[in-house]
Amino acid sequence: MVELDVKFNSNNISNMLKEIKRELKKVPQEAYNVFLATTPVKTGNAKRNTKLRNDVIQADYPYAEVLDKGRHMTTRGLRGSEQAPEGMTKPTEQYIHDRVNRIFKGK
């Protein structure tokens, strides 16, 4: 005979869920910090005009899309910044993915 006793302590589960929720609430600010850290700096305009509003990162400057595409070739030659060869969104999304995984694993 094989028996498996599966009991859940609702207090432990509630505490774990509260901790997960608390950590998940930090992710938008952390992601914003990563986005800013990967934003190239020439004049500082890009960083000055990147804001976190209602958990949404907004890069509000005319060349934001060019920088976010990373270093790439166009018919006009190389575009983007050597400082952010992958752009800003890709590394930020990877950070979010990794961070959420760590939260759910309790790390």
PDB file of N, CA and C in Angstrom:
ATOM      1  N   MET A   1       0.847  -1.163   0.000  1.00  0.00           N
ATOM      2  CA  MET A   1       0.000   0.000   0.000  1.00  0.00           C
ATOM      3  C   MET A   1       0.904   1.241   0.000  1.00  0.00           C
ATOM      4  N   VAL A   2       0.496   2.240  -0.789  1.00  0.00           N
ATOM      5  CA  VAL A   2       1.202   3.515  -0.817  1.00  0.00           C
ATOM      6  C   VAL A   2       0.218   4.574  -0.371  1.00  0.00           C
ATOM      7  N   GLU A   3       0.636   5.354   0.591  1.00  0.00           N
ATOM      8  CA  GLU A   3      -0.198   6.452   1.062  1.00  0.00           C
ATOM      9  C   GLU A   3       0.573   7.747   0.917  1.00  0.00           C
ATOM     10  N   LEU A   4      -0.133   8.752   0.529  1.00  0.00           N
ATOM     11  CA  LEU A   4       0.461  10.075   0.410  1.00  0.00           C
ATOM     12  C   LEU A   4      -0.446  11.042   1.135  1.00  0.00           C
ATOM     13  N   ASP A   5       0.045  11.581   2.194  1.00  0.00           N
ATOM     14  CA  ASP A   5      -0.737  12.522   3.003  1.00  0.00           C
ATOM     15  C   ASP A   5      -0.494  13.923   2.451  1.00  0.00           C
ATOM     16  N   VAL A   6      -1.519  14.527   1.902  1.00  0.00           N
ATOM     17  CA  VAL A   6      -1.395  15.856   1.307  1.00  0.00           C
ATOM     18  C   VAL A   6      -2.278  16.817   2.093  1.00  0.00           C
ATOM     19  N   LYS A   7      -1.623  17.581   2.932  1.00  0.00           N
ATOM     20  CA  LYS A   7      -2.349  18.575   3.728  1.00  0.00           C
ATOM     21  C   LYS A   7      -1.716  19.934   3.464  1.00  0.00           C
ATOM     22  N   PHE A   8      -2.562  20.904   3.376  1.00  0.00           N
ATOM     23  CA  PHE A   8      -2.086  22.264   3.178  1.00  0.00           C
ATOM     24  C   PHE A   8      -2.497  23.088   4.383  1.00  0.00           C
ATOM     25  N   ASN A   9      -1.564  23.824   4.875  1.00  0.00           N
ATOM     26  CA  ASN A   9      -1.851  24.746   5.959  1.00  0.00           C
ATOM     27  C   ASN A   9      -2.230  26.076   5.319  1.00  0.00           C
ATOM     28  N   SER A  10      -3.467  26.461   5.467  1.00  0.00           N
ATOM     29  CA  SER A  10      -3.943  27.676   4.798  1.00  0.00           C
ATOM     30  C   SER A  10      -3.182  28.914   5.258  1.00  0.00           C
ATOM     31  N   ASN A  11      -2.685  28.925   6.481  1.00  0.00           N
ATOM     32  CA  ASN A  11      -1.902  30.078   6.940  1.00  0.00           C
ATOM     33  C   ASN A  11      -0.595  30.189   6.165  1.00  0.00           C
ATOM     34  N   ASN A  12       0.064  29.058   5.950  1.00  0.00           N
ATOM     35  CA  ASN A  12       1.308  29.081   5.187  1.00  0.00           C
ATOM     36  C   ASN A  12       1.073  29.525   3.748  1.00  0.00           C
ATOM     37  N   ILE A  13       0.004  29.022   3.148  1.00  0.00           N
ATOM     38  CA  ILE A  13      -0.316  29.394   1.770  1.00  0.00           C
ATOM     39  C   ILE A  13      -0.640  30.881   1.694  1.00  0.00           C
ATOM     40  N   SER A  14      -1.426  31.368   2.621  1.00  0.00           N
ATOM     41  CA  SER A  14      -1.770  32.790   2.635  1.00  0.00           C
ATOM     42  C   SER A  14      -0.527  33.650   2.767  1.00  0.00           C
ATOM     43  N   ASN A  15       0.383  33.258   3.647  1.00  0.00           N
ATOM     44  CA  ASN A  15       1.614  34.024   3.825  1.00  0.00           C
ATOM     45  C   ASN A  15       2.477  33.991   2.571  1.00  0.00           C
ATOM     46  N   MET A  16       2.546  32.823   1.935  1.00  0.00           N
ATOM     47  CA  MET A  16       3.319  32.705   0.704  1.00  0.00           C
ATOM     48  C   MET A  16       2.725  33.581  -0.397  1.00  0.00           C
ATOM     49  N   LEU A  17       1.404  33.569  -0.523  1.00  0.00           N
ATOM     50  CA  LEU A  17       0.756  34.391  -1.549  1.00  0.00           C
ATOM     51  C   LEU A  17       0.943  35.878  -1.280  1.00  0.00           C
ATOM     52  N   LYS A  18       0.893  36.260  -0.015  1.00  0.00           N
ATOM     53  CA  LYS A  18       1.123  37.672   0.340  1.00  0.00           C
ATOM     54  C   LYS A  18       2.538  38.093  -0.030  1.00  0.00           C
ATOM     55  N   GLU A  19       3.500  37.217   0.232  1.00  0.00           N
ATOM     56  CA  GLU A  19       4.893  37.523  -0.099  1.00  0.00           C
ATOM     57  C   GLU A  19       5.076  37.616  -1.615  1.00  0.00           C
ATOM     58  N   ILE A  20       4.462  36.712  -2.363  1.00  0.00           N
ATOM     59  CA  ILE A  20       4.540  36.764  -3.826  1.00  0.00           C
ATOM     60  C   ILE A  20       3.935  38.070  -4.333  1.00  0.00           C
ATOM     61  N   LYS A  21       2.784  38.434  -3.805  1.00  0.00           N
ATOM     62  CA  LYS A  21       2.118  39.678  -4.225  1.00  0.00           C
ATOM     63  C   LYS A  21       2.994  40.887  -3.899  1.00  0.00           C
ATOM     64  N   ARG A  22       3.589  40.889  -2.721  1.00  0.00           N
ATOM     65  CA  ARG A  22       4.452  41.996  -2.290  1.00  0.00           C
ATOM     66  C   ARG A  22       5.654  42.126  -3.237  1.00  0.00           C
ATOM     67  N   GLU A  23       6.255  41.002  -3.594  1.00  0.00           N
ATOM     68  CA  GLU A  23       7.410  41.030  -4.493  1.00  0.00           C
ATOM     69  C   GLU A  23       7.020  41.422  -5.914  1.00  0.00           C
ATOM     70  N   LEU A  24       5.872  40.939  -6.387  1.00  0.00           N
ATOM     71  CA  LEU A  24       5.419  41.280  -7.742  1.00  0.00           C
ATOM     72  C   LEU A  24       5.133  42.772  -7.879  1.00  0.00           C
ATOM     73  N   LYS A  25       4.687  43.402  -6.805  1.00  0.00           N
ATOM     74  CA  LYS A  25       4.415  44.845  -6.856  1.00  0.00           C
ATOM     75  C   LYS A  25       5.689  45.658  -7.092  1.00  0.00           C
ATOM     76  N   LYS A  26       6.841  45.083  -6.761  1.00  0.00           N
ATOM     77  CA  LYS A  26       8.117  45.780  -6.932  1.00  0.00           C
ATOM     78  C   LYS A  26       8.636  45.706  -8.368  1.00  0.00           C
ATOM     79  N   VAL A  27       8.142  44.747  -9.139  1.00  0.00           N
ATOM     80  CA  VAL A  27       8.692  44.475 -10.466  1.00  0.00           C
ATOM     81  C   VAL A  27       8.620  45.672 -11.420  1.00  0.00           C
ATOM     82  N   PRO A  28       7.511  46.422 -11.500  1.00  0.00           N
ATOM     83  CA  PRO A  28       7.509  47.549 -12.436  1.00  0.00           C
ATOM     84  C   PRO A  28       8.631  48.566 -12.165  1.00  0.00           C
ATOM     85  N   GLN A  29       8.856  48.911 -10.913  1.00  0.00           N
ATOM     86  CA  GLN A  29       9.929  49.860 -10.593  1.00  0.00           C
ATOM     87  C   GLN A  29      11.292  49.254 -10.909  1.00  0.00           C
ATOM     88  N   GLU A  30      11.474  47.994 -10.594  1.00  0.00           N
ATOM     89  CA  GLU A  30      12.733  47.325 -10.899  1.00  0.00           C
ATOM     90  C   GLU A  30      12.968  47.279 -12.413  1.00  0.00           C
ATOM     91  N   ALA A  31      11.921  46.974 -13.170  1.00  0.00           N
ATOM     92  CA  ALA A  31      12.025  46.917 -14.634  1.00  0.00           C
ATOM     93  C   ALA A  31      12.355  48.299 -15.193  1.00  0.00           C
ATOM     94  N   TYR A  32      11.734  49.310 -14.640  1.00  0.00           N
ATOM     95  CA  TYR A  32      12.022  50.697 -15.051  1.00  0.00           C
ATOM     96  C   TYR A  32      13.499  51.013 -14.819  1.00  0.00           C
ATOM     97  N   ASN A  33      14.015  50.593 -13.679  1.00  0.00           N
ATOM     98  CA  ASN A  33      15.428  50.834 -13.374  1.00  0.00           C
ATOM     99  C   ASN A  33      16.339  50.126 -14.380  1.00  0.00           C
ATOM    100  N   VAL A  34      15.967  48.914 -14.772  1.00  0.00           N
ATOM    101  CA  VAL A  34      16.753  48.178 -15.777  1.00  0.00           C
ATOM    102  C   VAL A  34      16.673  48.890 -17.122  1.00  0.00           C
ATOM    103  N   PHE A  35      15.476  49.312 -17.497  1.00  0.00           N
ATOM    104  CA  PHE A  35      15.276  50.019 -18.764  1.00  0.00           C
ATOM    105  C   PHE A  35      16.152  51.275 -18.800  1.00  0.00           C
ATOM    106  N   LEU A  36      16.129  52.041 -17.713  1.00  0.00           N
ATOM    107  CA  LEU A  36      16.951  53.254 -17.652  1.00  0.00           C
ATOM    108  C   LEU A  36      18.436  52.922 -17.704  1.00  0.00           C
ATOM    109  N   ALA A  37      18.830  51.878 -17.006  1.00  0.00           N
ATOM    110  CA  ALA A  37      20.245  51.506 -16.980  1.00  0.00           C
ATOM    111  C   ALA A  37      20.750  51.082 -18.355  1.00  0.00           C
ATOM    112  N   THR A  38      19.866  50.545 -19.184  1.00  0.00           N
ATOM    113  CA  THR A  38      20.278  50.117 -20.523  1.00  0.00           C
ATOM    114  C   THR A  38      20.041  51.198 -21.579  1.00  0.00           C
ATOM    115  N   THR A  39      19.422  52.306 -21.194  1.00  0.00           N
ATOM    116  CA  THR A  39      19.197  53.413 -22.124  1.00  0.00           C
ATOM    117  C   THR A  39      20.523  54.112 -22.406  1.00  0.00           C
ATOM    118  N   PRO A  40      20.886  54.239 -23.681  1.00  0.00           N
ATOM    119  CA  PRO A  40      22.152  54.899 -24.017  1.00  0.00           C
ATOM    120  C   PRO A  40      22.143  56.377 -23.606  1.00  0.00           C
ATOM    121  N   VAL A  41      23.331  56.877 -23.328  1.00  0.00           N
ATOM    122  CA  VAL A  41      23.456  58.280 -22.925  1.00  0.00           C
ATOM    123  C   VAL A  41      24.403  58.999 -23.881  1.00  0.00           C
ATOM    124  N   LYS A  42      23.880  60.022 -24.514  1.00  0.00           N
ATOM    125  CA  LYS A  42      24.725  60.924 -25.294  1.00  0.00           C
ATOM    126  C   LYS A  42      24.560  62.309 -24.696  1.00  0.00           C
ATOM    127  N   THR A  43      23.290  62.752 -24.662  1.00  0.00           N
ATOM    128  CA  THR A  43      23.006  64.061 -24.060  1.00  0.00           C
ATOM    129  C   THR A  43      22.217  63.919 -22.758  1.00  0.00           C
ATOM    130  N   GLY A  44      21.651  62.732 -22.511  1.00  0.00           N
ATOM    131  CA  GLY A  44      20.814  62.532 -21.332  1.00  0.00           C
ATOM    132  C   GLY A  44      19.335  62.716 -21.624  1.00  0.00           C
ATOM    133  N   ASN A  45      19.000  63.147 -22.838  1.00  0.00           N
ATOM    134  CA  ASN A  45      17.603  63.396 -23.204  1.00  0.00           C
ATOM    135  C   ASN A  45      16.747  62.138 -23.095  1.00  0.00           C
ATOM    136  N   ALA A  46      17.278  61.008 -23.563  1.00  0.00           N
ATOM    137  CA  ALA A  46      16.497  59.763 -23.543  1.00  0.00           C
ATOM    138  C   ALA A  46      16.140  59.374 -22.110  1.00  0.00           C
ATOM    139  N   LYS A  47      17.092  59.420 -21.212  1.00  0.00           N
ATOM    140  CA  LYS A  47      16.809  59.060 -19.810  1.00  0.00           C
ATOM    141  C   LYS A  47      15.854  60.058 -19.162  1.00  0.00           C
ATOM    142  N   ARG A  48      16.058  61.344 -19.445  1.00  0.00           N
ATOM    143  CA  ARG A  48      15.176  62.375 -18.862  1.00  0.00           C
ATOM    144  C   ARG A  48      13.732  62.209 -19.311  1.00  0.00           C
ATOM    145  N   ASN A  49      13.548  61.695 -20.512  1.00  0.00           N
ATOM    146  CA  ASN A  49      12.205  61.596 -21.075  1.00  0.00           C
ATOM    147  C   ASN A  49      11.650  60.175 -21.036  1.00  0.00           C
ATOM    148  N   THR A  50      12.188  59.361 -20.161  1.00  0.00           N
ATOM    149  CA  THR A  50      11.654  58.026 -19.922  1.00  0.00           C
ATOM    150  C   THR A  50      11.037  58.025 -18.535  1.00  0.00           C
ATOM    151  N   LYS A  51       9.775  57.688 -18.455  1.00  0.00           N
ATOM    152  CA  LYS A  51       9.024  57.745 -17.191  1.00  0.00           C
ATOM    153  C   LYS A  51       8.299  56.435 -16.937  1.00  0.00           C
ATOM    154  N   LEU A  52       7.998  56.193 -15.669  1.00  0.00           N
ATOM    155  CA  LEU A  52       7.152  55.069 -15.262  1.00  0.00           C
ATOM    156  C   LEU A  52       5.823  55.659 -14.826  1.00  0.00           C
ATOM    157  N   ARG A  53       4.774  55.347 -15.573  1.00  0.00           N
ATOM    158  CA  ARG A  53       3.437  55.862 -15.264  1.00  0.00           C
ATOM    159  C   ARG A  53       2.466  54.693 -15.207  1.00  0.00           C
ATOM    160  N   ASN A  54       1.846  54.507 -14.043  1.00  0.00           N
ATOM    161  CA  ASN A  54       0.875  53.420 -13.862  1.00  0.00           C
ATOM    162  C   ASN A  54       1.445  52.077 -14.318  1.00  0.00           C
ATOM    163  N   ASP A  55       2.660  51.792 -13.902  1.00  0.00           N
ATOM    164  CA  ASP A  55       3.336  50.525 -14.214  1.00  0.00           C
ATOM    165  C   ASP A  55       3.633  50.353 -15.701  1.00  0.00           C
ATOM    166  N   VAL A  56       3.677  51.456 -16.448  1.00  0.00           N
ATOM    167  CA  VAL A  56       4.010  51.425 -17.875  1.00  0.00           C
ATOM    168  C   VAL A  56       5.241  52.298 -18.090  1.00  0.00           C
ATOM    169  N   ILE A  57       6.253  51.723 -18.720  1.00  0.00           N
ATOM    170  CA  ILE A  57       7.453  52.489 -19.040  1.00  0.00           C
ATOM    171  C   ILE A  57       7.202  53.218 -20.351  1.00  0.00           C
ATOM    172  N   GLN A  58       7.369  54.540 -20.324  1.00  0.00           N
ATOM    173  CA  GLN A  58       7.126  55.359 -21.508  1.00  0.00           C
ATOM    174  C   GLN A  58       8.408  56.089 -21.892  1.00  0.00           C
ATOM    175  N   ALA A  59       8.926  55.763 -23.054  1.00  0.00           N
ATOM    176  CA  ALA A  59      10.090  56.445 -23.603  1.00  0.00           C
ATOM    177  C   ALA A  59       9.551  57.464 -24.603  1.00  0.00           C
ATOM    178  N   ASP A  60       9.462  58.709 -24.169  1.00  0.00           N
ATOM    179  CA  ASP A  60       8.786  59.745 -24.952  1.00  0.00           C
ATOM    180  C   ASP A  60       9.793  60.726 -25.557  1.00  0.00           C
ATOM    181  N   TYR A  61      10.413  60.293 -26.651  1.00  0.00           N
ATOM    182  CA  TYR A  61      11.315  61.151 -27.408  1.00  0.00           C
ATOM    183  C   TYR A  61      11.325  60.609 -28.837  1.00  0.00           C
ATOM    184  N   PRO A  62      11.572  61.448 -29.811  1.00  0.00           N
ATOM    185  CA  PRO A  62      11.389  61.068 -31.218  1.00  0.00           C
ATOM    186  C   PRO A  62      12.186  59.848 -31.688  1.00  0.00           C
ATOM    187  N   TYR A  63      13.332  59.590 -31.110  1.00  0.00           N
ATOM    188  CA  TYR A  63      14.192  58.512 -31.597  1.00  0.00           C
ATOM    189  C   TYR A  63      14.160  57.279 -30.688  1.00  0.00           C
ATOM    190  N   ALA A  64      13.144  57.172 -29.857  1.00  0.00           N
ATOM    191  CA  ALA A  64      13.037  56.040 -28.927  1.00  0.00           C
ATOM    192  C   ALA A  64      12.994  54.704 -29.665  1.00  0.00           C
ATOM    193  N   GLU A  65      12.238  54.632 -30.745  1.00  0.00           N
ATOM    194  CA  GLU A  65      12.126  53.370 -31.481  1.00  0.00           C
ATOM    195  C   GLU A  65      13.457  52.975 -32.125  1.00  0.00           C
ATOM    196  N   VAL A  66      14.192  53.945 -32.595  1.00  0.00           N
ATOM    197  CA  VAL A  66      15.495  53.663 -33.204  1.00  0.00           C
ATOM    198  C   VAL A  66      16.428  53.073 -32.156  1.00  0.00           C
ATOM    199  N   LEU A  67      16.493  53.695 -30.978  1.00  0.00           N
ATOM    200  CA  LEU A  67      17.352  53.174 -29.912  1.00  0.00           C
ATOM    201  C   LEU A  67      16.891  51.798 -29.455  1.00  0.00           C
ATOM    202  N   ASP A  68      15.572  51.609 -29.378  1.00  0.00           N
ATOM    203  CA  ASP A  68      15.057  50.348 -28.857  1.00  0.00           C
ATOM    204  C   ASP A  68      15.249  49.182 -29.823  1.00  0.00           C
ATOM    205  N   LYS A  69      15.430  49.462 -31.097  1.00  0.00           N
ATOM    206  CA  LYS A  69      15.708  48.388 -32.055  1.00  0.00           C
ATOM    207  C   LYS A  69      17.123  47.847 -31.877  1.00  0.00           C
ATOM    208  N   GLY A  70      17.928  48.579 -31.132  1.00  0.00           N
ATOM    209  CA  GLY A  70      19.313  48.166 -30.952  1.00  0.00           C
ATOM    210  C   GLY A  70      20.156  48.574 -32.140  1.00  0.00           C
ATOM    211  N   ARG A  71      21.356  48.116 -32.157  1.00  0.00           N
ATOM    212  CA  ARG A  71      22.274  48.446 -33.254  1.00  0.00           C
ATOM    213  C   ARG A  71      21.857  47.625 -34.462  1.00  0.00           C
ATOM    214  N   HIS A  72      21.499  48.292 -35.560  1.00  0.00           N
ATOM    215  CA  HIS A  72      21.014  47.583 -36.733  1.00  0.00           C
ATOM    216  C   HIS A  72      21.346  48.350 -38.012  1.00  0.00           C
ATOM    217  N   MET A  73      21.376  47.624 -39.091  1.00  0.00           N
ATOM    218  CA  MET A  73      21.693  48.202 -40.390  1.00  0.00           C
ATOM    219  C   MET A  73      20.409  48.621 -41.094  1.00  0.00           C
ATOM    220  N   THR A  74      20.447  49.782 -41.707  1.00  0.00           N
ATOM    221  CA  THR A  74      19.334  50.255 -42.525  1.00  0.00           C
ATOM    222  C   THR A  74      19.900  50.652 -43.887  1.00  0.00           C
ATOM    223  N   THR A  75      19.029  51.088 -44.762  1.00  0.00           N
ATOM    224  CA  THR A  75      19.505  51.559 -46.072  1.00  0.00           C
ATOM    225  C   THR A  75      20.355  52.820 -45.919  1.00  0.00           C
ATOM    226  N   ARG A  76      20.216  53.495 -44.787  1.00  0.00           N
ATOM    227  CA  ARG A  76      20.996  54.708 -44.519  1.00  0.00           C
ATOM    228  C   ARG A  76      22.252  54.404 -43.699  1.00  0.00           C
ATOM    229  N   GLY A  77      22.539  53.134 -43.480  1.00  0.00           N
ATOM    230  CA  GLY A  77      23.721  52.762 -42.698  1.00  0.00           C
ATOM    231  C   GLY A  77      23.329  52.262 -41.315  1.00  0.00           C
ATOM    232  N   LEU A  78      24.324  52.140 -40.445  1.00  0.00           N
ATOM    233  CA  LEU A  78      24.069  51.669 -39.084  1.00  0.00           C
ATOM    234  C   LEU A  78      23.256  52.687 -38.308  1.00  0.00           C
ATOM    235  N   ARG A  79      22.289  52.172 -37.556  1.00  0.00           N
ATOM    236  CA  ARG A  79      21.466  53.037 -36.708  1.00  0.00           C
ATOM    237  C   ARG A  79      21.470  52.464 -35.309  1.00  0.00           C
ATOM    238  N   GLY A  80      20.954  53.226 -34.370  1.00  0.00           N
ATOM    239  CA  GLY A  80      20.908  52.778 -32.983  1.00  0.00           C
ATOM    240  C   GLY A  80      22.199  53.128 -32.271  1.00  0.00           C
ATOM    241  N   SER A  81      22.333  52.617 -31.078  1.00  0.00           N
ATOM    242  CA  SER A  81      23.467  52.977 -30.246  1.00  0.00           C
ATOM    243  C   SER A  81      24.341  51.770 -29.945  1.00  0.00           C
ATOM    244  N   GLU A  82      25.645  51.978 -29.966  1.00  0.00           N
ATOM    245  CA  GLU A  82      26.570  50.927 -29.557  1.00  0.00           C
ATOM    246  C   GLU A  82      26.416  50.639 -28.066  1.00  0.00           C
ATOM    247  N   GLN A  83      25.935  51.622 -27.311  1.00  0.00           N
ATOM    248  CA  GLN A  83      25.766  51.459 -25.868  1.00  0.00           C
ATOM    249  C   GLN A  83      24.624  50.501 -25.532  1.00  0.00           C
ATOM    250  N   ALA A  84      23.660  50.372 -26.431  1.00  0.00           N
ATOM    251  CA  ALA A  84      22.518  49.471 -26.204  1.00  0.00           C
ATOM    252  C   ALA A  84      22.321  48.622 -27.458  1.00  0.00           C
ATOM    253  N   PRO A  85      23.229  47.684 -27.720  1.00  0.00           N
ATOM    254  CA  PRO A  85      23.152  46.906 -28.965  1.00  0.00           C
ATOM    255  C   PRO A  85      21.884  46.067 -29.089  1.00  0.00           C
ATOM    256  N   GLU A  86      21.237  45.754 -27.966  1.00  0.00           N
ATOM    257  CA  GLU A  86      19.974  44.999 -28.002  1.00  0.00           C
ATOM    258  C   GLU A  86      18.765  45.897 -27.753  1.00  0.00           C
ATOM    259  N   GLY A  87      18.986  47.197 -27.670  1.00  0.00           N
ATOM    260  CA  GLY A  87      17.907  48.101 -27.318  1.00  0.00           C
ATOM    261  C   GLY A  87      17.680  48.079 -25.816  1.00  0.00           C
ATOM    262  N   MET A  88      16.525  48.560 -25.389  1.00  0.00           N
ATOM    263  CA  MET A  88      16.214  48.602 -23.961  1.00  0.00           C
ATOM    264  C   MET A  88      15.121  47.610 -23.577  1.00  0.00           C
ATOM    265  N   THR A  89      14.161  47.386 -24.462  1.00  0.00           N
ATOM    266  CA  THR A  89      13.029  46.516 -24.146  1.00  0.00           C
ATOM    267  C   THR A  89      13.457  45.065 -23.972  1.00  0.00           C
ATOM    268  N   LYS A  90      14.279  44.564 -24.869  1.00  0.00           N
ATOM    269  CA  LYS A  90      14.679  43.154 -24.807  1.00  0.00           C
ATOM    270  C   LYS A  90      15.362  42.803 -23.476  1.00  0.00           C
ATOM    271  N   PRO A  91      16.381  43.559 -23.029  1.00  0.00           N
ATOM    272  CA  PRO A  91      16.981  43.227 -21.736  1.00  0.00           C
ATOM    273  C   PRO A  91      16.012  43.414 -20.567  1.00  0.00           C
ATOM    274  N   THR A  92      15.114  44.381 -20.685  1.00  0.00           N
ATOM    275  CA  THR A  92      14.136  44.611 -19.616  1.00  0.00           C
ATOM    276  C   THR A  92      13.150  43.453 -19.543  1.00  0.00           C
ATOM    277  N   GLU A  93      12.674  42.979 -20.690  1.00  0.00           N
ATOM    278  CA  GLU A  93      11.775  41.823 -20.703  1.00  0.00           C
ATOM    279  C   GLU A  93      12.455  40.586 -20.129  1.00  0.00           C
ATOM    280  N   GLN A  94      13.730  40.404 -20.445  1.00  0.00           N
ATOM    281  CA  GLN A  94      14.468  39.253 -19.902  1.00  0.00           C
ATOM    282  C   GLN A  94      14.586  39.367 -18.383  1.00  0.00           C
ATOM    283  N   TYR A  95      14.848  40.586 -17.901  1.00  0.00           N
ATOM    284  CA  TYR A  95      14.917  40.808 -16.449  1.00  0.00           C
ATOM    285  C   TYR A  95      13.580  40.446 -15.797  1.00  0.00           C
ATOM    286  N   ILE A  96      12.476  40.930 -16.383  1.00  0.00           N
ATOM    287  CA  ILE A  96      11.145  40.661 -15.822  1.00  0.00           C
ATOM    288  C   ILE A  96      10.898  39.155 -15.779  1.00  0.00           C
ATOM    289  N   HIS A  97      11.180  38.471 -16.856  1.00  0.00           N
ATOM    290  CA  HIS A  97      10.995  37.019 -16.928  1.00  0.00           C
ATOM    291  C   HIS A  97      11.775  36.323 -15.810  1.00  0.00           C
ATOM    292  N   ASP A  98      13.059  36.654 -15.703  1.00  0.00           N
ATOM    293  CA  ASP A  98      13.905  36.020 -14.694  1.00  0.00           C
ATOM    294  C   ASP A  98      13.452  36.366 -13.278  1.00  0.00           C
ATOM    295  N   ARG A  99      13.084  37.622 -13.069  1.00  0.00           N
ATOM    296  CA  ARG A  99      12.672  38.077 -11.729  1.00  0.00           C
ATOM    297  C   ARG A  99      11.384  37.393 -11.290  1.00  0.00           C
ATOM    298  N   VAL A 100      10.401  37.307 -12.176  1.00  0.00           N
ATOM    299  CA  VAL A 100       9.130  36.657 -11.841  1.00  0.00           C
ATOM    300  C   VAL A 100       9.365  35.178 -11.543  1.00  0.00           C
ATOM    301  N   ASN A 101      10.225  34.535 -12.312  1.00  0.00           N
ATOM    302  CA  ASN A 101      10.554  33.134 -12.015  1.00  0.00           C
ATOM    303  C   ASN A 101      11.157  33.001 -10.624  1.00  0.00           C
ATOM    304  N   ARG A 102      12.076  33.896 -10.281  1.00  0.00           N
ATOM    305  CA  ARG A 102      12.684  33.833  -8.941  1.00  0.00           C
ATOM    306  C   ARG A 102      11.643  34.067  -7.848  1.00  0.00           C
ATOM    307  N   ILE A 103      10.723  34.983  -8.082  1.00  0.00           N
ATOM    308  CA  ILE A 103       9.666  35.258  -7.082  1.00  0.00           C
ATOM    309  C   ILE A 103       8.843  34.014  -6.839  1.00  0.00           C
ATOM    310  N   PHE A 104       8.424  33.350  -7.909  1.00  0.00           N
ATOM    311  CA  PHE A 104       7.571  32.175  -7.741  1.00  0.00           C
ATOM    312  C   PHE A 104       8.332  30.970  -7.180  1.00  0.00           C
ATOM    313  N   LYS A 105       9.653  30.994  -7.310  1.00  0.00           N
ATOM    314  CA  LYS A 105      10.451  29.929  -6.715  1.00  0.00           C
ATOM    315  C   LYS A 105      10.839  30.272  -5.278  1.00  0.00           C
ATOM    316  N   GLY A 106      10.450  31.471  -4.843  1.00  0.00           N
ATOM    317  CA  GLY A 106      10.739  31.876  -3.467  1.00  0.00           C
ATOM    318  C   GLY A 106      12.174  32.317  -3.243  1.00  0.00           C
ATOM    319  N   LYS A 107      12.804  32.830  -4.282  1.00  0.00           N
ATOM    320  CA  LYS A 107      14.205  33.265  -4.177  1.00  0.00           C
ATOM    321  C   LYS A 107      14.327  34.756  -4.303  1.00  0.00           C
TER     322      LYS A 107
END
